[in-house]
């Protein structure tokens, strides 16, 4: 099985779910925080993105609860779609395949980070001022 996932393919996976992404999906992500975080803590290809996950999740929560809206909906949907992708066991490489099953999840997170990098930087500056 081919396990190399290009950034273009990862971006395509994110974009295909962005159009149907809704505020309800944000709530689902927040409800599943422990499950998603567990994957980032336990799965080798995702471990390197733990700090990024925590930042993306904080942004999603601050947006959802109305603390931070200085971000385009497009960015929120890209982050949300990427996090839902990680949560889904059925994707480009099914998660039941040891190690390889999570390479696509890591590629999707990496692509998401590249797609929304500027908005994440703005959020980090805002977040630092809040503390």
N, C-alpha and C. Protein backbone atom coordinates (compact mmCIF):
# COMPACT_ATOMS: atom_id res chain seq x y z
N UNK A 1 0.84 -1.19 0.00
CA UNK A 1 0.00 0.00 0.00
C UNK A 1 0.88 1.24 0.00
N UNK A 2 0.52 2.18 -0.83
CA UNK A 2 1.27 3.43 -0.92
C UNK A 2 0.89 4.31 0.26
N UNK A 3 1.90 4.77 1.02
CA UNK A 3 1.61 5.56 2.21
C UNK A 3 2.03 7.02 2.08
N UNK A 4 2.60 7.41 0.95
CA UNK A 4 3.00 8.81 0.75
C UNK A 4 1.76 9.62 0.36
N UNK A 5 1.49 10.64 1.14
CA UNK A 5 0.37 11.53 0.87
C UNK A 5 0.95 12.90 0.56
N UNK A 6 0.68 13.41 -0.63
CA UNK A 6 1.20 14.72 -1.00
C UNK A 6 0.41 15.82 -0.30
N UNK A 7 1.02 16.99 -0.20
CA UNK A 7 0.30 18.12 0.40
C UNK A 7 -0.92 18.47 -0.44
N UNK A 8 -0.80 18.35 -1.74
CA UNK A 8 -1.94 18.64 -2.62
C UNK A 8 -3.12 17.71 -2.31
N UNK A 9 -2.83 16.44 -2.13
CA UNK A 9 -3.89 15.47 -1.81
C UNK A 9 -4.48 15.76 -0.42
N UNK A 10 -3.63 16.13 0.53
CA UNK A 10 -4.11 16.46 1.88
C UNK A 10 -4.99 17.70 1.84
N UNK A 11 -4.58 18.71 1.08
CA UNK A 11 -5.40 19.93 0.95
C UNK A 11 -6.74 19.61 0.32
N UNK A 12 -6.73 18.72 -0.66
CA UNK A 12 -7.98 18.32 -1.32
C UNK A 12 -8.94 17.67 -0.32
N UNK A 13 -8.40 16.86 0.58
CA UNK A 13 -9.23 16.22 1.61
C UNK A 13 -9.86 17.26 2.53
N UNK A 14 -9.09 18.28 2.87
CA UNK A 14 -9.61 19.35 3.73
C UNK A 14 -10.71 20.11 2.99
N UNK A 15 -10.41 20.51 1.76
CA UNK A 15 -11.36 21.34 0.99
C UNK A 15 -12.68 20.63 0.73
N UNK A 16 -12.65 19.31 0.55
CA UNK A 16 -13.90 18.61 0.22
C UNK A 16 -14.90 18.66 1.37
N UNK A 17 -14.41 18.82 2.60
CA UNK A 17 -15.32 18.89 3.75
C UNK A 17 -15.63 20.32 4.20
N UNK A 18 -14.93 21.28 3.65
CA UNK A 18 -15.12 22.66 4.09
C UNK A 18 -16.49 23.23 3.72
N UNK A 19 -16.98 22.89 2.54
CA UNK A 19 -18.25 23.47 2.08
C UNK A 19 -19.44 23.08 2.96
N UNK A 20 -19.39 21.88 3.49
CA UNK A 20 -20.51 21.41 4.31
C UNK A 20 -20.28 21.63 5.80
N UNK A 21 -19.16 22.22 6.17
CA UNK A 21 -18.83 22.43 7.57
C UNK A 21 -19.76 23.47 8.19
N UNK A 22 -20.20 23.22 9.42
CA UNK A 22 -21.17 24.12 10.07
C UNK A 22 -20.78 24.39 11.52
N UNK A 23 -21.51 25.32 12.12
CA UNK A 23 -21.33 25.61 13.55
C UNK A 23 -21.57 24.35 14.39
N UNK A 24 -22.51 23.51 13.96
CA UNK A 24 -22.76 22.25 14.68
C UNK A 24 -21.52 21.36 14.68
N UNK A 25 -20.79 21.39 13.57
CA UNK A 25 -19.56 20.60 13.50
C UNK A 25 -18.53 21.09 14.50
N UNK A 26 -18.50 22.41 14.73
CA UNK A 26 -17.59 22.95 15.76
C UNK A 26 -17.94 22.36 17.12
N UNK A 27 -19.22 22.30 17.42
CA UNK A 27 -19.66 21.72 18.68
C UNK A 27 -19.26 20.26 18.81
N UNK A 28 -19.35 19.51 17.70
CA UNK A 28 -18.95 18.10 17.71
C UNK A 28 -17.47 17.96 18.01
N UNK A 29 -16.67 18.85 17.43
CA UNK A 29 -15.23 18.80 17.66
C UNK A 29 -14.94 19.07 19.13
N UNK A 30 -15.59 20.07 19.69
CA UNK A 30 -15.36 20.41 21.09
C UNK A 30 -15.79 19.26 22.00
N UNK A 31 -16.91 18.63 21.67
CA UNK A 31 -17.39 17.48 22.46
C UNK A 31 -16.41 16.30 22.41
N UNK A 32 -15.66 16.20 21.34
CA UNK A 32 -14.75 15.06 21.15
C UNK A 32 -13.30 15.43 21.44
N UNK A 33 -13.08 16.50 22.19
CA UNK A 33 -11.73 16.97 22.48
C UNK A 33 -10.83 15.86 23.02
N UNK A 34 -11.29 15.13 24.01
CA UNK A 34 -10.45 14.09 24.62
C UNK A 34 -10.09 13.00 23.62
N UNK A 35 -11.04 12.63 22.78
CA UNK A 35 -10.79 11.57 21.80
C UNK A 35 -9.76 12.03 20.76
N UNK A 36 -9.92 13.26 20.27
CA UNK A 36 -8.97 13.78 19.28
C UNK A 36 -7.59 13.96 19.91
N UNK A 37 -7.57 14.54 21.10
CA UNK A 37 -6.29 14.75 21.79
C UNK A 37 -5.60 13.42 22.06
N UNK A 38 -6.38 12.41 22.38
CA UNK A 38 -5.82 11.08 22.62
C UNK A 38 -5.07 10.54 21.42
N UNK A 39 -5.59 10.81 20.23
CA UNK A 39 -4.88 10.38 19.02
C UNK A 39 -3.54 11.09 18.90
N UNK A 40 -3.53 12.38 19.19
CA UNK A 40 -2.28 13.14 19.09
C UNK A 40 -1.28 12.71 20.16
N UNK A 41 -1.75 12.22 21.28
CA UNK A 41 -0.87 11.77 22.34
C UNK A 41 -0.31 10.38 22.09
N UNK A 42 -1.09 9.52 21.43
CA UNK A 42 -0.73 8.11 21.33
C UNK A 42 -0.18 7.68 19.98
N UNK A 43 -0.58 8.35 18.93
CA UNK A 43 -0.24 7.89 17.58
C UNK A 43 1.06 8.54 17.12
N UNK A 44 2.03 7.72 16.79
CA UNK A 44 3.38 8.21 16.48
C UNK A 44 3.39 9.29 15.39
N UNK A 45 2.76 9.12 14.23
CA UNK A 45 2.83 10.19 13.23
C UNK A 45 2.18 11.50 13.67
N UNK A 46 1.26 11.44 14.63
CA UNK A 46 0.57 12.65 15.08
C UNK A 46 1.24 13.31 16.29
N UNK A 47 2.06 12.57 17.03
CA UNK A 47 2.68 13.11 18.25
C UNK A 47 3.43 14.41 17.99
N UNK A 48 4.09 14.50 16.85
CA UNK A 48 4.88 15.71 16.57
C UNK A 48 4.00 16.94 16.38
N UNK A 49 2.70 16.73 16.21
CA UNK A 49 1.76 17.84 16.00
C UNK A 49 0.95 18.17 17.25
N UNK A 50 1.31 17.60 18.40
CA UNK A 50 0.53 17.83 19.62
C UNK A 50 0.43 19.31 19.97
N UNK A 51 1.53 20.02 19.96
CA UNK A 51 1.52 21.45 20.28
C UNK A 51 0.63 22.21 19.28
N UNK A 52 0.72 21.84 18.01
CA UNK A 52 -0.11 22.48 16.98
C UNK A 52 -1.59 22.17 17.22
N UNK A 53 -1.88 20.91 17.57
CA UNK A 53 -3.26 20.54 17.86
C UNK A 53 -3.82 21.39 18.99
N UNK A 54 -3.04 21.55 20.05
CA UNK A 54 -3.51 22.33 21.20
C UNK A 54 -3.81 23.77 20.79
N UNK A 55 -3.00 24.33 19.93
CA UNK A 55 -3.23 25.69 19.43
C UNK A 55 -4.47 25.74 18.54
N UNK A 56 -4.59 24.80 17.60
CA UNK A 56 -5.76 24.77 16.72
C UNK A 56 -7.04 24.58 17.53
N UNK A 57 -6.97 23.71 18.51
CA UNK A 57 -8.16 23.44 19.32
C UNK A 57 -8.53 24.66 20.16
N UNK A 58 -7.55 25.34 20.70
CA UNK A 58 -7.82 26.56 21.47
C UNK A 58 -8.48 27.61 20.58
N UNK A 59 -7.99 27.74 19.36
CA UNK A 59 -8.58 28.69 18.43
C UNK A 59 -10.05 28.35 18.15
N UNK A 60 -10.30 27.08 17.88
CA UNK A 60 -11.67 26.62 17.60
C UNK A 60 -12.57 26.91 18.80
N UNK A 61 -12.10 26.62 20.01
CA UNK A 61 -12.90 26.87 21.21
C UNK A 61 -13.16 28.35 21.41
N UNK A 62 -12.13 29.18 21.23
CA UNK A 62 -12.31 30.62 21.40
C UNK A 62 -13.28 31.18 20.35
N UNK A 63 -13.24 30.63 19.16
CA UNK A 63 -14.19 31.06 18.14
C UNK A 63 -15.60 30.60 18.52
N UNK A 64 -15.74 29.34 18.87
CA UNK A 64 -17.05 28.77 19.18
C UNK A 64 -17.73 29.49 20.35
N UNK A 65 -16.96 29.81 21.37
CA UNK A 65 -17.53 30.46 22.55
C UNK A 65 -17.60 31.98 22.43
N UNK A 66 -17.20 32.51 21.26
CA UNK A 66 -17.37 33.93 20.99
C UNK A 66 -16.28 34.84 21.52
N UNK A 67 -15.17 34.28 21.95
CA UNK A 67 -14.08 35.09 22.46
C UNK A 67 -13.22 35.68 21.34
N UNK A 68 -13.14 34.96 20.24
CA UNK A 68 -12.26 35.38 19.15
C UNK A 68 -12.97 35.18 17.81
N UNK A 69 -13.26 36.29 17.14
CA UNK A 69 -13.89 36.22 15.82
C UNK A 69 -13.09 36.96 14.76
N UNK A 70 -11.86 37.30 15.06
CA UNK A 70 -11.01 38.00 14.09
C UNK A 70 -10.35 37.01 13.15
N UNK A 71 -11.15 36.12 12.63
CA UNK A 71 -10.65 35.06 11.78
C UNK A 71 -11.71 34.76 10.72
N UNK A 72 -11.30 34.54 9.49
CA UNK A 72 -12.29 34.23 8.46
C UNK A 72 -12.92 32.85 8.68
N UNK A 73 -14.17 32.73 8.32
CA UNK A 73 -14.88 31.45 8.43
C UNK A 73 -14.13 30.38 7.65
N UNK A 74 -13.51 30.75 6.56
CA UNK A 74 -12.74 29.80 5.75
C UNK A 74 -11.67 29.12 6.60
N UNK A 75 -10.99 29.87 7.43
CA UNK A 75 -9.94 29.32 8.29
C UNK A 75 -10.54 28.39 9.33
N UNK A 76 -11.65 28.79 9.91
CA UNK A 76 -12.32 27.95 10.91
C UNK A 76 -12.72 26.62 10.27
N UNK A 77 -13.27 26.68 9.05
CA UNK A 77 -13.71 25.44 8.40
C UNK A 77 -12.52 24.56 8.01
N UNK A 78 -11.41 25.17 7.62
CA UNK A 78 -10.22 24.38 7.28
C UNK A 78 -9.71 23.64 8.51
N UNK A 79 -9.62 24.34 9.62
CA UNK A 79 -9.16 23.71 10.87
C UNK A 79 -10.15 22.63 11.31
N UNK A 80 -11.42 22.97 11.28
CA UNK A 80 -12.45 22.01 11.69
C UNK A 80 -12.45 20.77 10.81
N UNK A 81 -12.35 20.96 9.51
CA UNK A 81 -12.33 19.82 8.59
C UNK A 81 -11.11 18.93 8.86
N UNK A 82 -9.97 19.55 9.12
CA UNK A 82 -8.76 18.77 9.41
C UNK A 82 -8.92 17.97 10.71
N UNK A 83 -9.48 18.59 11.73
CA UNK A 83 -9.66 17.88 13.01
C UNK A 83 -10.68 16.76 12.88
N UNK A 84 -11.74 16.99 12.12
CA UNK A 84 -12.72 15.92 11.89
C UNK A 84 -12.10 14.78 11.07
N UNK A 85 -11.22 15.13 10.16
CA UNK A 85 -10.52 14.11 9.37
C UNK A 85 -9.71 13.20 10.29
N UNK A 86 -9.00 13.79 11.22
CA UNK A 86 -8.21 13.00 12.18
C UNK A 86 -9.12 12.10 13.01
N UNK A 87 -10.28 12.59 13.34
CA UNK A 87 -11.22 11.83 14.15
C UNK A 87 -11.80 10.64 13.39
N UNK A 88 -11.96 10.78 12.09
CA UNK A 88 -12.59 9.75 11.27
C UNK A 88 -11.66 8.55 11.06
N UNK A 89 -12.15 7.34 11.34
CA UNK A 89 -11.32 6.15 11.11
C UNK A 89 -11.27 5.75 9.63
N UNK A 90 -12.20 6.27 8.83
CA UNK A 90 -12.28 5.92 7.42
C UNK A 90 -11.82 7.12 6.60
N UNK A 91 -10.62 7.03 6.05
CA UNK A 91 -10.07 8.12 5.27
C UNK A 91 -9.16 7.55 4.19
N UNK A 92 -8.22 8.32 3.70
CA UNK A 92 -7.36 7.84 2.61
C UNK A 92 -6.64 6.54 2.95
N UNK A 93 -6.09 6.48 4.15
CA UNK A 93 -5.48 5.24 4.64
C UNK A 93 -6.21 4.90 5.94
N UNK A 94 -7.01 3.85 5.94
CA UNK A 94 -7.81 3.52 7.13
C UNK A 94 -6.95 3.40 8.39
N UNK A 95 -7.45 3.94 9.48
CA UNK A 95 -6.70 4.00 10.74
C UNK A 95 -6.39 2.63 11.35
N UNK A 96 -7.09 1.59 10.93
CA UNK A 96 -6.82 0.29 11.52
C UNK A 96 -5.49 -0.31 11.02
N UNK A 97 -4.89 0.30 10.00
CA UNK A 97 -3.58 -0.16 9.52
C UNK A 97 -2.52 0.46 10.44
N UNK A 98 -1.77 -0.36 11.18
CA UNK A 98 -0.80 0.17 12.14
C UNK A 98 0.15 1.20 11.52
N UNK A 99 0.39 2.27 12.22
CA UNK A 99 1.27 3.38 11.86
C UNK A 99 0.85 4.03 10.54
N UNK A 100 0.87 3.27 9.46
CA UNK A 100 0.55 3.82 8.13
C UNK A 100 -0.83 4.45 8.10
N UNK A 101 -1.75 3.92 8.88
CA UNK A 101 -3.12 4.43 8.90
C UNK A 101 -3.24 5.85 9.42
N UNK A 102 -2.17 6.34 10.01
CA UNK A 102 -2.21 7.70 10.54
C UNK A 102 -1.31 8.68 9.77
N UNK A 103 -0.61 8.18 8.79
CA UNK A 103 0.25 9.06 7.99
C UNK A 103 -0.59 10.10 7.25
N UNK A 104 -1.74 9.69 6.74
CA UNK A 104 -2.60 10.66 6.05
C UNK A 104 -3.15 11.69 7.02
N UNK A 105 -3.45 11.28 8.26
CA UNK A 105 -3.93 12.22 9.27
C UNK A 105 -2.87 13.30 9.53
N UNK A 106 -1.62 12.85 9.67
CA UNK A 106 -0.52 13.80 9.90
C UNK A 106 -0.35 14.72 8.69
N UNK A 107 -0.49 14.18 7.50
CA UNK A 107 -0.36 15.01 6.29
C UNK A 107 -1.47 16.05 6.21
N UNK A 108 -2.67 15.68 6.62
CA UNK A 108 -3.79 16.63 6.60
C UNK A 108 -3.56 17.75 7.63
N UNK A 109 -3.08 17.40 8.81
CA UNK A 109 -2.78 18.44 9.81
C UNK A 109 -1.68 19.36 9.31
N UNK A 110 -0.63 18.80 8.72
CA UNK A 110 0.46 19.62 8.19
C UNK A 110 -0.05 20.56 7.09
N UNK A 111 -0.88 20.04 6.21
CA UNK A 111 -1.43 20.87 5.14
C UNK A 111 -2.32 21.98 5.70
N UNK A 112 -3.11 21.65 6.70
CA UNK A 112 -3.97 22.65 7.35
C UNK A 112 -3.12 23.76 7.96
N UNK A 113 -2.07 23.39 8.64
CA UNK A 113 -1.19 24.38 9.26
C UNK A 113 -0.61 25.33 8.21
N UNK A 114 -0.24 24.78 7.07
CA UNK A 114 0.28 25.62 5.99
C UNK A 114 -0.81 26.52 5.41
N UNK A 115 -2.01 26.01 5.31
CA UNK A 115 -3.12 26.77 4.72
C UNK A 115 -3.51 27.97 5.58
N UNK A 116 -3.44 27.83 6.89
CA UNK A 116 -3.98 28.85 7.79
C UNK A 116 -2.89 29.51 8.64
N UNK A 117 -1.66 29.40 8.23
CA UNK A 117 -0.53 29.87 9.02
C UNK A 117 -0.65 31.32 9.48
N UNK A 118 -1.01 32.21 8.58
CA UNK A 118 -1.10 33.63 8.95
C UNK A 118 -2.19 33.89 9.98
N UNK A 119 -3.32 33.23 9.83
CA UNK A 119 -4.40 33.41 10.80
C UNK A 119 -4.04 32.81 12.16
N UNK A 120 -3.28 31.74 12.16
CA UNK A 120 -2.82 31.16 13.43
C UNK A 120 -1.87 32.12 14.14
N UNK A 121 -0.99 32.74 13.37
CA UNK A 121 -0.06 33.72 13.97
C UNK A 121 -0.83 34.88 14.59
N UNK A 122 -1.85 35.38 13.90
CA UNK A 122 -2.68 36.47 14.44
C UNK A 122 -3.38 36.02 15.72
N UNK A 123 -3.88 34.79 15.71
CA UNK A 123 -4.55 34.26 16.90
C UNK A 123 -3.57 34.16 18.07
N UNK A 124 -2.36 33.68 17.80
CA UNK A 124 -1.36 33.56 18.87
C UNK A 124 -1.06 34.91 19.50
N UNK A 125 -0.92 35.94 18.69
CA UNK A 125 -0.67 37.28 19.22
C UNK A 125 -1.84 37.73 20.09
N UNK A 126 -3.05 37.52 19.61
CA UNK A 126 -4.24 37.88 20.38
C UNK A 126 -4.28 37.11 21.70
N UNK A 127 -4.02 35.82 21.61
CA UNK A 127 -4.08 34.95 22.78
C UNK A 127 -3.05 35.36 23.83
N UNK A 128 -1.86 35.72 23.39
CA UNK A 128 -0.82 36.15 24.33
C UNK A 128 -1.23 37.43 25.05
N UNK A 129 -1.93 38.32 24.37
CA UNK A 129 -2.39 39.56 24.99
C UNK A 129 -3.48 39.32 26.03
N UNK A 130 -4.20 38.21 25.89
CA UNK A 130 -5.28 37.89 26.81
C UNK A 130 -4.76 37.37 28.15
N UNK A 131 -3.56 36.82 28.12
CA UNK A 131 -2.99 36.21 29.33
C UNK A 131 -2.18 37.15 30.14
